[in-house]
Protein backbone atom coordinates (compact mmCIF):
# COMPACT_ATOMS: atom_id res chain seq x y z
CA MET A 1 9.46 -14.71 -6.27
CA LYS A 2 6.06 -13.95 -7.86
CA LYS A 3 4.29 -15.69 -4.82
CA ARG A 4 6.49 -13.81 -2.64
CA ALA A 5 5.99 -10.40 -4.19
CA PHE A 6 2.24 -10.83 -4.32
CA GLN A 7 2.15 -11.73 -0.42
CA LEU A 8 4.62 -8.46 0.39
CA ALA A 9 2.24 -6.70 -1.94
CA VAL A 10 -0.93 -7.35 -0.28
CA ILE A 11 0.30 -7.11 3.31
CA ASN A 12 1.85 -4.00 2.77
CA SER A 13 -0.87 -2.22 0.95
CA PHE A 14 -3.18 -3.47 3.28
CA LEU A 15 -1.33 -1.60 6.05
CA ILE A 16 -0.99 1.75 3.91
CA SER A 17 -4.59 1.72 3.11
CA GLN A 18 -5.66 1.12 6.66
CA PHE A 19 -3.13 3.99 7.57
CA LEU A 20 -4.34 6.39 4.85
CA PHE A 21 -8.12 5.74 6.12
CA PHE A 22 -7.32 6.15 9.58
CA ILE A 23 -5.96 9.35 9.05
CA ASP A 24 -8.29 10.70 6.20
CA GLU A 25 -11.76 8.90 6.33
CA GLY A 26 -12.02 8.21 10.04
CA ASN A 27 -10.39 11.51 11.42
CA TYR A 28 -7.82 9.54 13.71
CA ASN A 29 -10.14 6.75 14.37
CA PHE A 30 -11.65 3.70 12.85
CA ARG A 31 -15.05 4.84 12.70
CA TRP A 32 -15.07 4.92 8.70
CA MET A 33 -15.27 1.13 9.09
CA THR A 34 -19.25 1.48 9.64
CA ASN A 35 -19.76 2.82 6.50
CA MET A 36 -20.17 0.46 3.56
CA GLY A 37 -19.44 3.38 1.18
CA ASN A 38 -15.89 3.60 2.78
CA TRP A 39 -15.16 0.03 2.33
CA LEU A 40 -15.98 0.03 -1.34
CA ILE A 41 -13.39 2.63 -1.62
CA PHE A 42 -11.25 0.76 0.74
CA LEU A 43 -11.04 -1.75 -1.62
CA ILE A 44 -10.28 0.26 -4.55
CA TYR A 45 -7.46 1.50 -2.78
CA LEU A 46 -6.29 -1.70 -1.84
CA ALA A 47 -6.41 -3.09 -5.44
CA LEU A 48 -4.77 -0.31 -6.84
CA ILE A 49 -1.89 -0.07 -4.13
CA THR A 50 -1.20 -3.84 -4.34
CA GLY A 51 -1.14 -3.52 -8.37
CA ILE A 52 1.35 -0.74 -8.11
CA LEU A 53 3.53 -3.09 -5.24
CA PHE A 54 3.23 -6.00 -7.18
CA LEU A 55 4.86 -4.51 -10.13
CA ILE A 56 7.53 -2.86 -8.11
CA ASN A 57 8.36 -6.13 -6.25
CA VAL A 58 8.31 -7.90 -9.84
CA GLY A 59 10.57 -5.18 -11.21
CA LEU A 60 12.80 -5.45 -8.03
CA GLY A 61 13.06 -9.07 -8.26
CA LYS A 62 14.32 -9.33 -11.97
CA ILE A 63 17.20 -7.58 -11.08
CA LYS A 64 19.41 -9.26 -8.17
CA THR A 65 18.59 -7.48 -4.77
CA ASN A 66 18.30 -8.39 -1.33
CA GLU A 67 14.86 -8.76 0.09
CA ASN A 68 15.34 -6.28 2.78
CA ILE A 69 15.90 -3.49 -0.16
CA ILE A 70 12.25 -5.06 -1.57
CA LEU A 71 10.95 -4.46 2.22
CA GLY A 72 12.61 -1.18 2.61
CA VAL A 73 11.15 0.10 -0.79
CA ASN A 74 7.43 -1.36 0.35
CA LEU A 75 7.57 0.00 3.82
CA ILE A 76 9.46 3.35 3.60
CA VAL A 77 9.70 4.53 -0.10
CA PHE A 78 6.45 4.03 -1.44
CA PRO A 79 4.04 5.24 1.32
CA THR A 80 6.39 8.25 1.63
CA LEU A 81 5.81 8.84 -2.21
CA LEU A 82 2.26 8.17 -1.79
CA LEU A 83 1.90 10.89 0.79
CA VAL A 84 4.05 13.43 -1.01
CA ILE A 85 1.80 13.27 -4.06
CA PHE A 86 -1.37 13.40 -1.92
CA TYR A 87 -0.12 16.42 -0.18
CA ASN A 88 1.24 18.27 -3.25
CA LEU A 89 -2.08 18.33 -5.13
């Protein structure tokens, strides 16, 4: 389960980070990819979000849940909470 949880965390955090950088750093385009400083921040975001999602996946794996619930948490609940936190600061 831990290998699968880490794979889900990496894939989902990559997608979430790409979306956040698309709307924030690139102003709805991918020009942010031309700046090395943005890549450094992207890797920091990727590492933090991967760690958080991995802990969530491991925690959900300890209770007997369906993989669809884990996928739903990764793709719907976590990004929604992330957006609420960022836009309410």
